[in-house]
């Protein structure tokens, strides 16, 4: 088991969630895309937004793809430069 697995198991237990339902690679890929293409602090906020949308019934993969596409088209001028805070 990795530290991520341990953390996921503990965090899910704390929140009454099933770790098997957490699409870790999808969330990490989205966070990477936002951090590198928009700005670093946007990554955890976007992950939170993804969680809110999924909690309201959105498909995790499709929603993450929409957000990643948005990040990919984000103008450098609005983001202050790639990956900057």
N, C-alpha and C. Protein backbone atom coordinates (compact mmCIF):
# COMPACT_ATOMS: atom_id res chain seq x y z
N UNK A 1 0.83 -1.19 0.00
CA UNK A 1 0.00 0.00 0.00
C UNK A 1 0.88 1.25 0.00
N UNK A 2 0.42 2.28 -0.69
CA UNK A 2 1.15 3.53 -0.74
C UNK A 2 0.59 4.50 0.29
N UNK A 3 1.29 5.59 0.50
CA UNK A 3 0.80 6.62 1.40
C UNK A 3 -0.54 7.16 0.88
N UNK A 4 -0.67 7.31 -0.45
CA UNK A 4 -1.94 7.77 -1.02
C UNK A 4 -3.06 6.79 -0.68
N UNK A 5 -2.79 5.50 -0.81
CA UNK A 5 -3.80 4.49 -0.47
C UNK A 5 -4.19 4.58 1.00
N UNK A 6 -3.18 4.73 1.86
CA UNK A 6 -3.44 4.85 3.30
C UNK A 6 -4.29 6.08 3.60
N UNK A 7 -3.90 7.22 2.98
CA UNK A 7 -4.64 8.47 3.21
C UNK A 7 -6.07 8.34 2.70
N UNK A 8 -6.22 7.80 1.49
CA UNK A 8 -7.55 7.66 0.90
C UNK A 8 -8.44 6.78 1.77
N UNK A 9 -7.90 5.69 2.25
CA UNK A 9 -8.66 4.78 3.12
C UNK A 9 -9.08 5.49 4.40
N UNK A 10 -8.15 6.20 5.03
CA UNK A 10 -8.47 6.90 6.28
C UNK A 10 -9.46 8.05 6.06
N UNK A 11 -9.24 8.84 5.01
CA UNK A 11 -10.12 9.97 4.74
C UNK A 11 -11.53 9.49 4.39
N UNK A 12 -11.61 8.43 3.59
CA UNK A 12 -12.92 7.90 3.24
C UNK A 12 -13.63 7.33 4.46
N UNK A 13 -12.90 6.66 5.32
CA UNK A 13 -13.50 6.14 6.55
C UNK A 13 -14.04 7.27 7.41
N UNK A 14 -13.29 8.35 7.48
CA UNK A 14 -13.71 9.52 8.27
C UNK A 14 -15.01 10.13 7.72
N UNK A 15 -15.16 10.08 6.39
CA UNK A 15 -16.32 10.71 5.74
C UNK A 15 -17.43 9.73 5.38
N UNK A 16 -17.23 8.45 5.69
CA UNK A 16 -18.24 7.45 5.36
C UNK A 16 -18.35 7.19 3.87
N UNK A 17 -17.22 7.25 3.16
CA UNK A 17 -17.19 7.03 1.71
C UNK A 17 -16.46 5.74 1.39
N UNK A 18 -16.73 5.22 0.19
CA UNK A 18 -16.07 4.01 -0.29
C UNK A 18 -14.86 4.42 -1.14
N UNK A 19 -13.65 4.06 -0.73
CA UNK A 19 -12.46 4.43 -1.51
C UNK A 19 -12.51 3.94 -2.95
N UNK A 20 -13.21 2.86 -3.20
CA UNK A 20 -13.31 2.33 -4.56
C UNK A 20 -14.06 3.27 -5.50
N UNK A 21 -14.83 4.19 -4.93
CA UNK A 21 -15.60 5.13 -5.74
C UNK A 21 -14.85 6.43 -6.03
N UNK A 22 -13.60 6.52 -5.55
CA UNK A 22 -12.83 7.74 -5.75
C UNK A 22 -11.92 7.57 -6.96
N UNK A 23 -12.15 8.34 -8.03
CA UNK A 23 -11.32 8.22 -9.23
C UNK A 23 -10.03 9.02 -9.08
N UNK A 24 -9.10 8.49 -8.28
CA UNK A 24 -7.87 9.20 -7.94
C UNK A 24 -7.12 9.68 -9.19
N UNK A 25 -6.87 8.83 -10.19
CA UNK A 25 -6.13 9.32 -11.36
C UNK A 25 -6.84 10.49 -12.05
N UNK A 26 -8.15 10.44 -12.12
CA UNK A 26 -8.92 11.51 -12.76
C UNK A 26 -8.74 12.82 -12.01
N UNK A 27 -8.84 12.77 -10.69
CA UNK A 27 -8.70 13.97 -9.87
C UNK A 27 -7.28 14.52 -9.96
N UNK A 28 -6.29 13.65 -9.90
CA UNK A 28 -4.90 14.10 -9.98
C UNK A 28 -4.57 14.69 -11.35
N UNK A 29 -5.09 14.07 -12.40
CA UNK A 29 -4.85 14.62 -13.75
C UNK A 29 -5.49 16.01 -13.89
N UNK A 30 -6.70 16.16 -13.38
CA UNK A 30 -7.37 17.46 -13.44
C UNK A 30 -6.59 18.50 -12.65
N UNK A 31 -6.17 18.15 -11.45
CA UNK A 31 -5.40 19.08 -10.62
C UNK A 31 -4.10 19.50 -11.32
N UNK A 32 -3.44 18.55 -11.95
CA UNK A 32 -2.21 18.85 -12.70
C UNK A 32 -2.49 19.83 -13.83
N UNK A 33 -3.55 19.55 -14.59
CA UNK A 33 -3.88 20.42 -15.72
C UNK A 33 -4.17 21.84 -15.27
N UNK A 34 -4.95 21.99 -14.22
CA UNK A 34 -5.28 23.33 -13.73
C UNK A 34 -4.04 24.01 -13.16
N UNK A 35 -3.26 23.28 -12.38
CA UNK A 35 -2.07 23.87 -11.77
C UNK A 35 -1.08 24.37 -12.83
N UNK A 36 -0.95 23.63 -13.92
CA UNK A 36 0.04 23.98 -14.94
C UNK A 36 -0.49 24.92 -15.99
N UNK A 37 -1.80 24.91 -16.23
CA UNK A 37 -2.34 25.70 -17.33
C UNK A 37 -3.12 26.93 -16.88
N UNK A 38 -3.48 26.97 -15.61
CA UNK A 38 -4.21 28.14 -15.10
C UNK A 38 -3.38 28.76 -13.98
N UNK A 39 -3.44 28.17 -12.78
CA UNK A 39 -2.58 28.58 -11.68
C UNK A 39 -2.64 27.52 -10.59
N UNK A 40 -1.58 27.41 -9.81
CA UNK A 40 -1.49 26.34 -8.81
C UNK A 40 -2.62 26.35 -7.80
N UNK A 41 -2.97 27.50 -7.20
CA UNK A 41 -4.05 27.47 -6.21
C UNK A 41 -5.41 27.07 -6.81
N UNK A 42 -5.52 27.13 -8.11
CA UNK A 42 -6.76 26.70 -8.75
C UNK A 42 -6.97 25.20 -8.71
N UNK A 43 -5.89 24.44 -8.53
CA UNK A 43 -5.99 22.98 -8.54
C UNK A 43 -6.87 22.43 -7.42
N UNK A 44 -6.60 22.76 -6.15
CA UNK A 44 -7.47 22.21 -5.11
C UNK A 44 -8.89 22.78 -5.16
N UNK A 45 -9.02 24.02 -5.57
CA UNK A 45 -10.35 24.61 -5.68
C UNK A 45 -11.15 23.89 -6.77
N UNK A 46 -10.50 23.60 -7.88
CA UNK A 46 -11.17 22.90 -8.97
C UNK A 46 -11.53 21.48 -8.56
N UNK A 47 -10.65 20.83 -7.81
CA UNK A 47 -10.96 19.49 -7.31
C UNK A 47 -12.19 19.54 -6.40
N UNK A 48 -12.29 20.58 -5.60
CA UNK A 48 -13.47 20.76 -4.75
C UNK A 48 -14.71 20.96 -5.60
N UNK A 49 -14.61 21.78 -6.64
CA UNK A 49 -15.74 22.01 -7.53
C UNK A 49 -16.17 20.71 -8.20
N UNK A 50 -15.20 19.91 -8.61
CA UNK A 50 -15.51 18.61 -9.19
C UNK A 50 -16.29 17.77 -8.18
N UNK A 51 -15.84 17.76 -6.94
CA UNK A 51 -16.54 17.00 -5.91
C UNK A 51 -17.97 17.49 -5.68
N UNK A 52 -18.15 18.80 -5.69
CA UNK A 52 -19.51 19.34 -5.54
C UNK A 52 -20.40 18.88 -6.69
N UNK A 53 -19.88 18.98 -7.91
CA UNK A 53 -20.67 18.59 -9.08
C UNK A 53 -21.01 17.10 -9.04
N UNK A 54 -20.03 16.27 -8.69
CA UNK A 54 -20.27 14.83 -8.61
C UNK A 54 -21.27 14.53 -7.49
N UNK A 55 -21.15 15.22 -6.38
CA UNK A 55 -22.10 15.04 -5.28
C UNK A 55 -23.52 15.38 -5.67
N UNK A 56 -23.65 16.21 -6.68
CA UNK A 56 -24.98 16.60 -7.18
C UNK A 56 -25.41 15.76 -8.37
N UNK A 57 -24.63 14.71 -8.66
CA UNK A 57 -25.05 13.76 -9.67
C UNK A 57 -24.29 13.78 -10.98
N UNK A 58 -23.30 14.65 -11.13
CA UNK A 58 -22.53 14.71 -12.37
C UNK A 58 -21.62 13.49 -12.49
N UNK A 59 -21.34 13.09 -13.71
CA UNK A 59 -20.41 12.00 -13.98
C UNK A 59 -18.99 12.49 -13.72
N UNK A 60 -18.22 11.79 -12.87
CA UNK A 60 -16.87 12.26 -12.54
C UNK A 60 -15.95 12.41 -13.75
N UNK A 61 -15.90 11.41 -14.61
CA UNK A 61 -15.00 11.46 -15.76
C UNK A 61 -15.37 12.55 -16.75
N UNK A 62 -16.65 12.65 -17.05
CA UNK A 62 -17.10 13.66 -18.02
C UNK A 62 -16.91 15.06 -17.47
N UNK A 63 -17.18 15.23 -16.19
CA UNK A 63 -17.04 16.55 -15.58
C UNK A 63 -15.58 16.96 -15.50
N UNK A 64 -14.71 16.03 -15.12
CA UNK A 64 -13.28 16.31 -15.07
C UNK A 64 -12.77 16.65 -16.47
N UNK A 65 -13.25 15.95 -17.47
CA UNK A 65 -12.82 16.23 -18.85
C UNK A 65 -13.25 17.63 -19.28
N UNK A 66 -14.44 18.03 -18.92
CA UNK A 66 -14.90 19.39 -19.25
C UNK A 66 -14.02 20.44 -18.60
N UNK A 67 -13.70 20.22 -17.33
CA UNK A 67 -12.85 21.18 -16.61
C UNK A 67 -11.43 21.18 -17.16
N UNK A 68 -10.91 20.01 -17.51
CA UNK A 68 -9.57 19.94 -18.09
C UNK A 68 -9.54 20.64 -19.44
N UNK A 69 -10.60 20.47 -20.23
CA UNK A 69 -10.68 21.18 -21.51
C UNK A 69 -10.69 22.69 -21.30
N UNK A 70 -11.45 23.13 -20.30
CA UNK A 70 -11.49 24.56 -19.98
C UNK A 70 -10.10 25.06 -19.60
N UNK A 71 -9.42 24.31 -18.75
CA UNK A 71 -8.06 24.69 -18.35
C UNK A 71 -7.12 24.74 -19.55
N UNK A 72 -7.29 23.80 -20.47
CA UNK A 72 -6.44 23.75 -21.64
C UNK A 72 -6.61 24.91 -22.60
N UNK A 73 -7.76 25.54 -22.52
CA UNK A 73 -8.01 26.68 -23.40
C UNK A 73 -7.91 28.01 -22.66
N UNK A 74 -7.51 27.96 -21.38
CA UNK A 74 -7.43 29.17 -20.57
C UNK A 74 -6.33 30.09 -21.09
N UNK A 75 -6.66 31.34 -21.37
CA UNK A 75 -5.64 32.26 -21.90
C UNK A 75 -4.53 32.54 -20.88
N UNK A 76 -3.31 32.54 -21.35
CA UNK A 76 -2.16 32.80 -20.48
C UNK A 76 -2.33 34.15 -19.78
N UNK A 77 -2.86 35.14 -20.49
CA UNK A 77 -3.01 36.48 -19.91
C UNK A 77 -3.92 36.48 -18.69
N UNK A 78 -4.97 35.66 -18.70
CA UNK A 78 -5.90 35.61 -17.57
C UNK A 78 -5.32 34.83 -16.40
N UNK A 79 -4.51 33.80 -16.71
CA UNK A 79 -3.94 32.99 -15.67
C UNK A 79 -2.69 33.55 -15.06
N UNK A 80 -2.16 34.64 -15.61
CA UNK A 80 -0.94 35.23 -15.09
C UNK A 80 0.30 34.46 -15.46
N UNK A 81 0.18 33.55 -16.42
CA UNK A 81 1.32 32.73 -16.82
C UNK A 81 1.09 31.30 -16.39
N UNK A 82 1.62 30.39 -17.10
CA UNK A 82 1.40 28.97 -16.81
C UNK A 82 2.03 28.58 -15.47
N UNK A 83 1.18 28.02 -14.61
CA UNK A 83 1.66 27.48 -13.35
C UNK A 83 2.05 28.47 -12.29
N UNK A 84 1.75 29.73 -12.46
CA UNK A 84 2.13 30.70 -11.44
C UNK A 84 1.00 30.88 -10.46
N UNK A 85 1.34 31.29 -9.28
CA UNK A 85 0.33 31.50 -8.25
C UNK A 85 -0.13 32.94 -8.25
